[in-house]
Every structure is written in structure tokens, then in C-alpha cells.
C-alpha atoms as a PDB file:
ATOM      1  CA  MET A   1      29.980  28.864  61.814  1.00  0.00           C
ATOM      2  CA  PHE A   2      30.603  32.326  59.857  1.00  0.00           C
ATOM      3  CA  ALA A   3      31.253  36.091  61.614  1.00  0.00           C
ATOM      4  CA  ARG A   4      28.814  38.845  62.204  1.00  0.00           C
ATOM      5  CA  TYR A   5      29.187  41.821  61.418  1.00  0.00           C
ATOM      6  CA  PRO A   6      27.179  44.876  62.619  1.00  0.00           C
ATOM      7  CA  PRO A   7      23.895  44.998  61.244  1.00  0.00           C
ATOM      8  CA  ILE A   8      22.542  47.377  58.588  1.00  0.00           C
ATOM      9  CA  SER A   9      19.342  49.421  58.773  1.00  0.00           C
ATOM     10  CA  SER A  10      19.990  51.787  56.113  1.00  0.00           C
ATOM     11  CA  PRO A  11      19.520  50.942  52.372  1.00  0.00           C
ATOM     12  CA  GLN A  12      21.944  54.524  51.898  1.00  0.00           C
ATOM     13  CA  ASN A  13      24.759  52.077  53.279  1.00  0.00           C
ATOM     14  CA  PRO A  14      27.351  51.671  51.086  1.00  0.00           C
ATOM     15  CA  LYS A  15      27.713  47.679  51.055  1.00  0.00           C
ATOM     16  CA  VAL A  16      23.639  48.330  50.169  1.00  0.00           C
ATOM     17  CA  LYS A  17      24.444  50.454  47.395  1.00  0.00           C
ATOM     18  CA  LEU A  18      26.782  48.466  45.642  1.00  0.00           C
ATOM     19  CA  ALA A  19      24.953  45.405  45.360  1.00  0.00           C
ATOM     20  CA  ARG A  20      22.521  47.687  43.785  1.00  0.00           C
ATOM     21  CA  GLN A  21      24.868  49.149  41.497  1.00  0.00           C
ATOM     22  CA  LEU A  22      26.019  46.073  39.878  1.00  0.00           C
ATOM     23  CA  GLN A  23      23.355  45.618  38.599  1.00  0.00           C
ATOM     24  CA  GLU A  24      24.522  47.735  36.349  1.00  0.00           C
ATOM     25  CA  LYS A  25      26.857  46.850  33.400  1.00  0.00           C
ATOM     26  CA  LYS A  26      29.516  49.594  34.067  1.00  0.00           C
ATOM     27  CA  TYR A  27      29.313  49.391  37.983  1.00  0.00           C
ATOM     28  CA  ARG A  28      30.280  45.380  37.349  1.00  0.00           C
ATOM     29  CA  GLN A  29      33.461  46.408  35.090  1.00  0.00           C
ATOM     30  CA  LEU A  30      34.423  49.486  37.302  1.00  0.00           C
ATOM     31  CA  GLU A  31      34.104  46.970  40.613  1.00  0.00           C
ATOM     32  CA  GLY A  32      35.511  43.729  38.905  1.00  0.00           C
ATOM     33  CA  CYS A  33      32.732  41.838  40.896  1.00  0.00           C
ATOM     34  CA  PHE A  34      28.603  40.899  40.633  1.00  0.00           C
ATOM     35  CA  VAL A  35      25.767  40.316  42.490  1.00  0.00           C
ATOM     36  CA  VAL A  36      23.533  37.090  43.263  1.00  0.00           C
ATOM     37  CA  ASP A  37      20.533  37.201  44.828  1.00  0.00           C
ATOM     38  CA  TYR A  38      19.374  33.939  44.919  1.00  0.00           C
ATOM     39  CA  ALA A  39      20.472  31.232  46.915  1.00  0.00           C
ATOM     40  CA  ARG A  40      21.020  27.845  44.764  1.00  0.00           C
ATOM     41  CA  ASP A  41      22.720  30.778  42.451  1.00  0.00           C
ATOM     42  CA  LEU A  42      24.843  31.550  45.057  1.00  0.00           C
ATOM     43  CA  ALA A  43      25.081  27.596  45.739  1.00  0.00           C
ATOM     44  CA  ARG A  44      26.350  26.862  42.485  1.00  0.00           C
ATOM     45  CA  ALA A  45      28.905  29.965  42.479  1.00  0.00           C
ATOM     46  CA  LEU A  46      30.420  28.536  45.424  1.00  0.00           C
ATOM     47  CA  GLN A  47      30.649  24.986  44.305  1.00  0.00           C
ATOM     48  CA  VAL A  48      32.926  26.160  41.142  1.00  0.00           C
ATOM     49  CA  GLY A  49      34.521  27.930  43.400  1.00  0.00           C
ATOM     50  CA  TYR A  50      34.199  32.050  43.104  1.00  0.00           C
ATOM     51  CA  SER A  51      34.974  34.381  46.013  1.00  0.00           C
ATOM     52  CA  VAL A  52      32.979  36.453  47.868  1.00  0.00           C
ATOM     53  CA  ARG A  53      32.864  39.924  49.176  1.00  0.00           C
ATOM     54  CA  TYR A  54      30.029  39.927  51.226  1.00  0.00           C
ATOM     55  CA  VAL A  55      26.730  38.617  51.940  1.00  0.00           C
ATOM     56  CA  LEU A  56      23.521  40.862  52.833  1.00  0.00           C
ATOM     57  CA  ARG A  57      21.127  38.233  54.738  1.00  0.00           C
ATOM     58  CA  CYS A  58      17.586  38.786  56.243  1.00  0.00           C
ATOM     59  CA  ASP A  59      17.326  35.671  58.481  1.00  0.00           C
ATOM     60  CA  THR A  60      13.549  36.917  58.670  1.00  0.00           C
ATOM     61  CA  LEU A  61      13.018  35.370  54.976  1.00  0.00           C
ATOM     62  CA  LEU A  62      15.929  32.987  54.812  1.00  0.00           C
ATOM     63  CA  THR A  63      14.716  28.940  53.443  1.00  0.00           C
ATOM     64  CA  PRO A  64      16.850  26.320  55.735  1.00  0.00           C
ATOM     65  CA  GLU A  65      19.244  26.111  53.085  1.00  0.00           C
ATOM     66  CA  ALA A  66      19.831  29.401  52.353  1.00  0.00           C
ATOM     67  CA  ARG A  67      20.719  29.461  56.206  1.00  0.00           C
ATOM     68  CA  GLU A  68      22.966  25.924  56.414  1.00  0.00           C
ATOM     69  CA  MET A  69      24.648  26.983  53.370  1.00  0.00           C
ATOM     70  CA  LEU A  70      24.983  30.510  54.663  1.00  0.00           C
ATOM     71  CA  ASN A  71      25.808  29.843  58.507  1.00  0.00           C
ATOM     72  CA  GLY A  72      29.050  27.521  56.991  1.00  0.00           C
ATOM     73  CA  LEU A  73      30.333  30.236  54.430  1.00  0.00           C
ATOM     74  CA  GLU A  74      33.158  31.790  55.535  1.00  0.00           C
ATOM     75  CA  ALA A  75      32.536  35.526  54.369  1.00  0.00           C
ATOM     76  CA  GLN A  76      31.415  39.168  55.421  1.00  0.00           C
ATOM     77  CA  GLN A  77      27.901  38.545  56.239  1.00  0.00           C
ATOM     78  CA  TYR A  78      25.630  41.961  57.220  1.00  0.00           C
ATOM     79  CA  ALA A  79      22.005  41.286  58.933  1.00  0.00           C
ATOM     80  CA  VAL A  80      19.983  43.484  57.137  1.00  0.00           C
ATOM     81  CA  THR A  81      16.121  43.689  56.843  1.00  0.00           C
ATOM     82  CA  ALA A  82      13.500  42.897  54.667  1.00  0.00           C
ATOM     83  CA  ASP A  83      13.443  46.864  53.061  1.00  0.00           C
ATOM     84  CA  VAL A  84      16.628  46.904  52.743  1.00  0.00           C
ATOM     85  CA  LEU A  85      17.312  43.420  50.908  1.00  0.00           C
ATOM     86  CA  ALA A  86      14.941  44.376  49.099  1.00  0.00           C
ATOM     87  CA  LYS A  87      16.383  47.620  47.449  1.00  0.00           C
ATOM     88  CA  ALA A  88      19.787  45.813  47.056  1.00  0.00           C
ATOM     89  CA  SER A  89      17.938  42.688  44.703  1.00  0.00           C
ATOM     90  CA  TYR A  90      17.470  42.800  40.845  1.00  0.00           C
ATOM     91  CA  ARG A  91      14.449  40.302  41.786  1.00  0.00           C
ATOM     92  CA  GLN A  92      12.161  39.082  44.531  1.00  0.00           C
ATOM     93  CA  ASN A  93      13.721  38.007  46.381  1.00  0.00           C
ATOM     94  CA  PRO A  94      12.109  34.789  48.502  1.00  0.00           C
ATOM     95  CA  SER A  95      15.846  33.232  49.841  1.00  0.00           C
ATOM     96  CA  GLY A  96      16.578  35.582  52.206  1.00  0.00           C
ATOM     97  CA  VAL A  97      20.528  36.545  50.733  1.00  0.00           C
ATOM     98  CA  VAL A  98      21.927  39.358  48.337  1.00  0.00           C
ATOM     99  CA  ALA A  99      25.983  38.247  47.835  1.00  0.00           C
ATOM    100  CA  VAL A 100      28.586  40.421  46.046  1.00  0.00           C
ATOM    101  CA  LEU A 101      30.983  37.996  44.389  1.00  0.00           C
ATOM    102  CA  ALA A 102      34.714  38.276  42.832  1.00  0.00           C
ATOM    103  CA  GLN A 103      34.418  38.239  39.118  1.00  0.00           C
ATOM    104  CA  LYS A 104      36.921  35.978  36.858  1.00  0.00           C
ATOM    105  CA  PRO A 105      38.531  36.716  33.671  1.00  0.00           C
ATOM    106  CA  LEU A 106      36.946  34.513  31.343  1.00  0.00           C
ATOM    107  CA  PRO A 107      39.569  31.519  29.921  1.00  0.00           C
ATOM    108  CA  LYS A 108      41.459  31.973  27.381  1.00  0.00           C
ATOM    109  CA  LEU A 109      40.728  30.174  24.091  1.00  0.00           C
ATOM    110  CA  ALA A 110      43.942  29.121  23.641  1.00  0.00           C
ATOM    111  CA  ASP A 111      44.120  26.743  26.103  1.00  0.00           C
ATOM    112  CA  PHE A 112      41.250  24.699  25.450  1.00  0.00           C
ATOM    113  CA  THR A 113      41.112  22.520  22.886  1.00  0.00           C
ATOM    114  CA  PRO A 114      37.716  20.441  22.809  1.00  0.00           C
ATOM    115  CA  SER A 115      36.558  17.415  22.101  1.00  0.00           C
ATOM    116  CA  LYS A 116      32.787  17.191  22.430  1.00  0.00           C
ATOM    117  CA  PRO A 117      29.673  19.286  20.761  1.00  0.00           C
ATOM    118  CA  LEU A 118      29.972  22.836  20.981  1.00  0.00           C
ATOM    119  CA  LEU A 119      27.295  25.606  20.381  1.00  0.00           C
ATOM    120  CA  ALA A 120      27.931  29.014  19.293  1.00  0.00           C
ATOM    121  CA  ILE A 121      25.891  31.558  19.942  1.00  0.00           C
ATOM    122  CA  ILE A 122      26.182  34.612  17.611  1.00  0.00           C
ATOM    123  CA  GLY A 123      24.706  38.345  17.380  1.00  0.00           C
ATOM    124  CA  LEU A 124      22.787  37.590  20.666  1.00  0.00           C
ATOM    125  CA  GLU A 125      21.195  40.458  22.824  1.00  0.00           C
ATOM    126  CA  LYS A 126      18.769  39.504  24.927  1.00  0.00           C
ATOM    127  CA  PRO A 127      20.549  38.226  28.441  1.00  0.00           C
ATOM    128  CA  GLY A 128      17.714  35.347  29.077  1.00  0.00           C
ATOM    129  CA  ASN A 129      18.001  33.854  25.905  1.00  0.00           C
ATOM    130  CA  ILE A 130      21.915  33.580  26.219  1.00  0.00           C
ATOM    131  CA  GLY A 131      21.586  32.505  29.614  1.00  0.00           C
ATOM    132  CA  ALA A 132      19.221  30.100  28.891  1.00  0.00           C
ATOM    133  CA  LEU A 133      20.956  28.332  25.824  1.00  0.00           C
ATOM    134  CA  MET A 134      24.022  28.225  28.884  1.00  0.00           C
ATOM    135  CA  ARG A 135      21.567  26.227  30.580  1.00  0.00           C
ATOM    136  CA  THR A 136      20.830  23.759  28.013  1.00  0.00           C
ATOM    137  CA  ALA A 137      24.466  23.596  26.734  1.00  0.00           C
ATOM    138  CA  ASP A 138      25.260  22.227  30.570  1.00  0.00           C
ATOM    139  CA  ALA A 139      22.283  19.781  30.544  1.00  0.00           C
ATOM    140  CA  SER A 140      22.521  18.584  27.276  1.00  0.00           C
ATOM    141  CA  GLY A 141      26.275  17.951  27.640  1.00  0.00           C
ATOM    142  CA  PHE A 142      27.726  20.717  25.468  1.00  0.00           C
ATOM    143  CA  GLU A 143      31.642  21.572  26.326  1.00  0.00           C
ATOM    144  CA  ALA A 144      31.557  25.006  25.681  1.00  0.00           C
ATOM    145  CA  VAL A 145      29.383  28.087  24.821  1.00  0.00           C
ATOM    146  CA  LEU A 146      31.356  30.492  22.683  1.00  0.00           C
ATOM    147  CA  LEU A 147      29.691  33.820  22.498  1.00  0.00           C
ATOM    148  CA  VAL A 148      30.494  34.867  18.926  1.00  0.00           C
ATOM    149  CA  ASP A 149      30.354  38.859  18.204  1.00  0.00           C
ATOM    150  CA  CYS A 150      27.657  38.937  20.907  1.00  0.00           C
ATOM    151  CA  GLU A 151      28.492  42.893  23.217  1.00  0.00           C
ATOM    152  CA  ILE A 152      27.049  40.909  26.486  1.00  0.00           C
ATOM    153  CA  ASP A 153      28.527  40.924  29.881  1.00  0.00           C
ATOM    154  CA  LEU A 154      28.415  37.332  31.142  1.00  0.00           C
ATOM    155  CA  TYR A 155      27.816  38.689  35.057  1.00  0.00           C
ATOM    156  CA  ASN A 156      24.215  40.336  33.615  1.00  0.00           C
ATOM    157  CA  PRO A 157      21.708  39.802  36.351  1.00  0.00           C
ATOM    158  CA  ASN A 158      19.296  38.244  33.737  1.00  0.00           C
ATOM    159  CA  ILE A 159      22.245  35.118  32.744  1.00  0.00           C
ATOM    160  CA  ILE A 160      22.861  34.706  35.779  1.00  0.00           C
ATOM    161  CA  ARG A 161      18.897  34.134  36.180  1.00  0.00           C
ATOM    162  CA  ALA A 162      18.050  32.572  33.412  1.00  0.00           C
ATOM    163  CA  SER A 163      21.685  29.941  33.616  1.00  0.00           C
ATOM    164  CA  THR A 164      20.464  28.773  36.891  1.00  0.00           C
ATOM    165  CA  GLY A 165      24.691  29.346  37.370  1.00  0.00           C
ATOM    166  CA  ALA A 166      25.842  27.607  34.171  1.00  0.00           C
ATOM    167  CA  CYS A 167      27.162  31.169  33.431  1.00  0.00           C
ATOM    168  CA  PHE A 168      29.605  30.046  36.282  1.00  0.00           C
ATOM    169  CA  LEU A 169      31.304  27.140  34.814  1.00  0.00           C
ATOM    170  CA  ASN A 170      34.041  28.625  33.753  1.00  0.00           C
ATOM    171  CA  ASN A 171      33.887  26.883  29.788  1.00  0.00           C
ATOM    172  CA  THR A 172      32.394  30.185  28.161  1.00  0.00           C
ATOM    173  CA  PHE A 173      34.690  32.418  25.871  1.00  0.00           C
ATOM    174  CA  ALA A 174      34.426  35.707  24.324  1.00  0.00           C
ATOM    175  CA  LEU A 175      35.887  36.323  20.222  1.00  0.00           C
ATOM    176  CA  SER A 176      35.219  37.244  16.779  1.00  0.00           C
ATOM    177  CA  SER A 177      33.519  35.589  13.811  1.00  0.00           C
ATOM    178  CA  ALA A 178      37.315  35.563  12.336  1.00  0.00           C
ATOM    179  CA  GLN A 179      38.689  34.112  15.941  1.00  0.00           C
ATOM    180  CA  ALA A 180      35.640  31.557  15.787  1.00  0.00           C
ATOM    181  CA  TYR A 181      36.413  30.262  11.864  1.00  0.00           C
ATOM    182  CA  ASP A 182      39.770  29.934  12.599  1.00  0.00           C
ATOM    183  CA  PHE A 183      38.874  27.834  15.924  1.00  0.00           C
ATOM    184  CA  PHE A 184      36.565  25.825  13.975  1.00  0.00           C
ATOM    185  CA  THR A 185      38.997  25.403  11.377  1.00  0.00           C
ATOM    186  CA  GLN A 186      41.819  24.316  13.309  1.00  0.00           C
ATOM    187  CA  HIS A 187      40.239  21.479  15.598  1.00  0.00           C
ATOM    188  CA  ASP A 188      38.092  20.330  13.090  1.00  0.00           C
ATOM    189  CA  TYR A 189      34.565  20.774  13.214  1.00  0.00           C
ATOM    190  CA  ARG A 190      32.084  20.627  11.389  1.00  0.00           C
ATOM    191  CA  THR A 191      29.727  23.917  11.782  1.00  0.00           C
ATOM    192  CA  ILE A 192      26.029  23.289  11.677  1.00  0.00           C
ATOM    193  CA  ALA A 193      24.113  26.816  11.339  1.00  0.00           C
ATOM    194  CA  ALA A 194      20.332  26.730  12.532  1.00  0.00           C
ATOM    195  CA  HIS A 195      18.314  28.253   9.670  1.00  0.00           C
ATOM    196  CA  LEU A 196      14.734  29.308   8.681  1.00  0.00           C
ATOM    197  CA  ASP A 197      15.387  28.568   4.720  1.00  0.00           C
ATOM    198  CA  GLY A 198      17.844  25.089   5.807  1.00  0.00           C
ATOM    199  CA  THR A 199      18.110  22.845   2.844  1.00  0.00           C
ATOM    200  CA  ARG A 200      18.446  20.145   5.591  1.00  0.00           C
ATOM    201  CA  SER A 201      15.893  19.022   8.197  1.00  0.00           C
ATOM    202  CA  LEU A 202      17.199  18.663  11.570  1.00  0.00           C
ATOM    203  CA  TYR A 203      16.093  15.111  11.720  1.00  0.00           C
ATOM    204  CA  ASP A 204      18.061  13.599   8.379  1.00  0.00           C
ATOM    205  CA  MET A 205      21.553  14.789  10.134  1.00  0.00           C
ATOM    206  CA  SER A 206      24.007  12.759  11.328  1.00  0.00           C
ATOM    207  CA  PHE A 207      25.539  14.711  14.610  1.00  0.00           C
ATOM    208  CA  THR A 208      28.210  12.006  15.451  1.00  0.00           C
ATOM    209  CA  ASP A 209      31.130  13.709  14.522  1.00  0.00           C
ATOM    210  CA  LYS A 210      32.924  17.300  15.881  1.00  0.00           C
ATOM    211  CA  THR A 211      30.193  19.538  15.409  1.00  0.00           C
ATOM    212  CA  ALA A 212      29.381  23.231  16.524  1.00  0.00           C
ATOM    213  CA  ILE A 213      25.815  24.225  16.386  1.00  0.00           C
ATOM    214  CA  LEU A 214      25.350  27.534  15.414  1.00  0.00           C
ATOM    215  CA  LEU A 215      22.272  29.846  16.106  1.00  0.00           C
ATOM    216  CA  GLY A 216      22.121  33.224  14.753  1.00  0.00           C
ATOM    217  CA  ALA A 217      19.664  36.894  16.719  1.00  0.00           C
ATOM    218  CA  GLU A 218      16.004  36.017  16.440  1.00  0.00           C
ATOM    219  CA  ASP A 219      15.316  39.265  14.292  1.00  0.00           C
ATOM    220  CA  SER A 220      18.012  38.702  11.672  1.00  0.00           C
ATOM    221  CA  GLY A 221      19.133  35.107  11.859  1.00  0.00           C
ATOM    222  CA  LEU A 222      23.491  34.424  11.283  1.00  0.00           C
ATOM    223  CA  PRO A 223      25.251  36.939   8.992  1.00  0.00           C
ATOM    224  CA  PRO A 224      26.222  36.110   5.578  1.00  0.00           C
ATOM    225  CA  PHE A 225      29.556  35.096   6.620  1.00  0.00           C
ATOM    226  CA  TRP A 226      27.998  32.341   8.788  1.00  0.00           C
ATOM    227  CA  THR A 227      25.772  30.606   6.542  1.00  0.00           C
ATOM    228  CA  GLN A 228      28.339  30.676   3.562  1.00  0.00           C
ATOM    229  CA  GLN A 229      31.234  28.965   6.191  1.00  0.00           C
ATOM    230  CA  SER A 230      28.304  27.219   7.136  1.00  0.00           C
ATOM    231  CA  ALA A 231      28.925  23.019   6.481  1.00  0.00           C
ATOM    232  CA  HIS A 232      24.989  22.597   6.343  1.00  0.00           C
ATOM    233  CA  LEU A 233      21.856  24.897   6.673  1.00  0.00           C
ATOM    234  CA  VAL A 234      19.231  23.057   8.768  1.00  0.00           C
ATOM    235  CA  LYS A 235      15.719  23.568   9.940  1.00  0.00           C
ATOM    236  CA  ILE A 236      13.596  22.685  12.911  1.00  0.00           C
ATOM    237  CA  PRO A 237      10.241  21.244  10.648  1.00  0.00           C
ATOM    238  CA  MET A 238       7.367  23.196  11.189  1.00  0.00           C
ATOM    239  CA  HIS A 239       3.692  21.838  11.157  1.00  0.00           C
ATOM    240  CA  GLY A 240       1.521  24.737  12.808  1.00  0.00           C
ATOM    241  CA  VAL A 241      -1.230  26.222  10.804  1.00  0.00           C
ATOM    242  CA  LEU A 242       0.680  30.107  11.384  1.00  0.00           C
ATOM    243  CA  SER A 243       4.204  29.470  13.623  1.00  0.00           C
ATOM    244  CA  ASP A 244       6.712  29.212  11.229  1.00  0.00           C
ATOM    245  CA  SER A 245       9.555  29.956  13.600  1.00  0.00           C
ATOM    246  CA  LEU A 246      10.424  28.987  17.374  1.00  0.00           C
ATOM    247  CA  ASN A 247      12.160  31.433  20.335  1.00  0.00           C
ATOM    248  CA  VAL A 248      16.202  30.572  19.757  1.00  0.00           C
ATOM    249  CA  SER A 249      16.407  29.037  23.246  1.00  0.00           C
ATOM    250  CA  VAL A 250      13.728  26.635  22.210  1.00  0.00           C
ATOM    251  CA  SER A 251      15.501  26.396  18.762  1.00  0.00           C
ATOM    252  CA  GLY A 252      18.884  25.781  20.291  1.00  0.00           C
ATOM    253  CA  ALA A 253      17.150  23.067  23.273  1.00  0.00           C
ATOM    254  CA  ILE A 254      15.614  21.208  20.292  1.00  0.00           C
ATOM    255  CA  PHE A 255      19.104  21.143  18.303  1.00  0.00           C
ATOM    256  CA  MET A 256      21.405  20.556  21.185  1.00  0.00           C
ATOM    257  CA  TYR A 257      19.063  17.282  22.455  1.00  0.00           C
ATOM    258  CA  GLU A 258      19.172  15.728  19.026  1.00  0.00           C
ATOM    259  CA  VAL A 259      22.278  16.051  19.001  1.00  0.00           C
ATOM    260  CA  LEU A 260      22.790  14.461  22.865  1.00  0.00           C
ATOM    261  CA  ARG A 261      20.296  11.870  21.303  1.00  0.00           C
ATOM    262  CA  GLN A 262      22.726  10.893  18.760  1.00  0.00           C
ATOM    263  CA  ARG A 263      25.552  10.833  20.849  1.00  0.00           C
ATOM    264  CA  LEU A 264      23.578   8.634  23.850  1.00  0.00           C
ATOM    265  CA  HIS A 265      22.735   5.815  20.721  1.00  0.00           C
ATOM    266  CA  SER A 266      25.830   5.991  18.928  1.00  0.00           C
ATOM    267  CA  PRO A 267      27.914   2.870  18.744  1.00  0.00           C
ATOM    268  CA  ALA A 268      31.260   3.255  21.811  1.00  0.00           C
END
């Protein structure tokens, strides 16, 4: 059973203020922690070994699943009202919990020897798209996500929400284009670039060898460096009247599941 701490009734309480501040990158960097305001995401962070600093819980809002999880969690837990919880939350909070967790350092690329498909996200800026791609990469069996030249914070609330916790898997690496190119070369990975002007159709490609899928920003696409260095520029066939492109997270999902389909049907 968790140990109860004095209830918090004021939104000006330091713990409530910190939870709210952690919605911003500068405070996450300063404090070395981040905030989760959804019970499912908290459960997934706990599943992969994240440490909880403290929890704000509104017992009148807790779902049965959230209540069971929190009652078995050894951490500082403070009862708050629904109004106070709303001040600490980034989004609408139907599960009645806000938790502050300690960050983990990103894993070191030098310690990683890949053997399965990889996803390289190059120059993306929208956290929601990055989070959605992380979610799909996990679901489709991709071994890691490489954030290449991305000025993004892994613990951005929109990444956590869109990834449904996949950002906690400790399989995300941040690196430059030069580092990524050296890494692919060192490990003999073929780079396949998703590109509107690709010369090959996605469905004419074979993905049974060691492959890294490269995705660029929606507005500018992949930088020239990657279009020149990639083994193939590959496009998704378009048969609509007006639509000639897809959201990057949708395109990435189509690519990743084609890779998975071929891996599932390739000879053992």
C-alpha cells in the first residue's frame, strides 16, 4: 500500500507548479525529470523501469485501473482536487493522475549492434508526428528509432501522448547526419528514402535484408545529402484525384508495415 502524504489544495503548491513547468523543455532540462498525465502512459513507463519522483492523484477521477496501479506503487503520492489536477495536467485528464518521473539518458550508439529494421527520422520538428512514428516503429517490430538532426526533446508531452509510451523503450538515438551515415555504413545497412519523386514504387522493393527507412520533414523532404546517399528513392503509389502526398506519420506507417509484411513472409 502506498504511503499517503498531506493533501494539496492550492495550485500554487511547489509540486503542482513543477508539474506544470515540466510541460516546457527548459524546465525538463533543468530538473532532469518530466511529467506524465495519463495512467496508461505511466504504467508503460513503470513497465520499462522509470523512477517516479512523486504523484498527484485525484481519487474522485481515478479509473479502477489507475487506482489499482497507484495503490501498489511505492512513491510519494499527494491527494489533490480536480481543479488542482487540471492545473498540473497538460491535457484533459480522465484518469486522475499526474506523475513526475526522472529522465533516463539516451542510450549510446556505440553500445548498439543492430540486426533488425531501423527507422531514421531526419529533421522532423513536430512532436506529434515523431511520437506517432515511434508508436508504429514499435508495433511493426523496428529495432530502433534514430532522430537525425532533430532538435527535439524525447519527453515532450506530445511525443509521450502520440507514442502511447513507446518513447520510453530506450531504443531511441539522437545523432547527426554524419554519425548516422557512418553508423549505417559500419553495420552494412541499406538506406531506403521515402521520397515523392522516388524512382521505385514501395511495392516493387525487397526489404528482406538489413534496411533503414529514412523519412524527412513534410514541407522540405529529405536533405540533399540523404537523397544522394540513399540506395533508393522510393515512393508510395498515389491514385487519387487531388491528393499527391500523405502525412509523414502515415507514410512511415505504410513503409514500416510493408517491411514487416515481407519479413513475416520471407523464408526463415
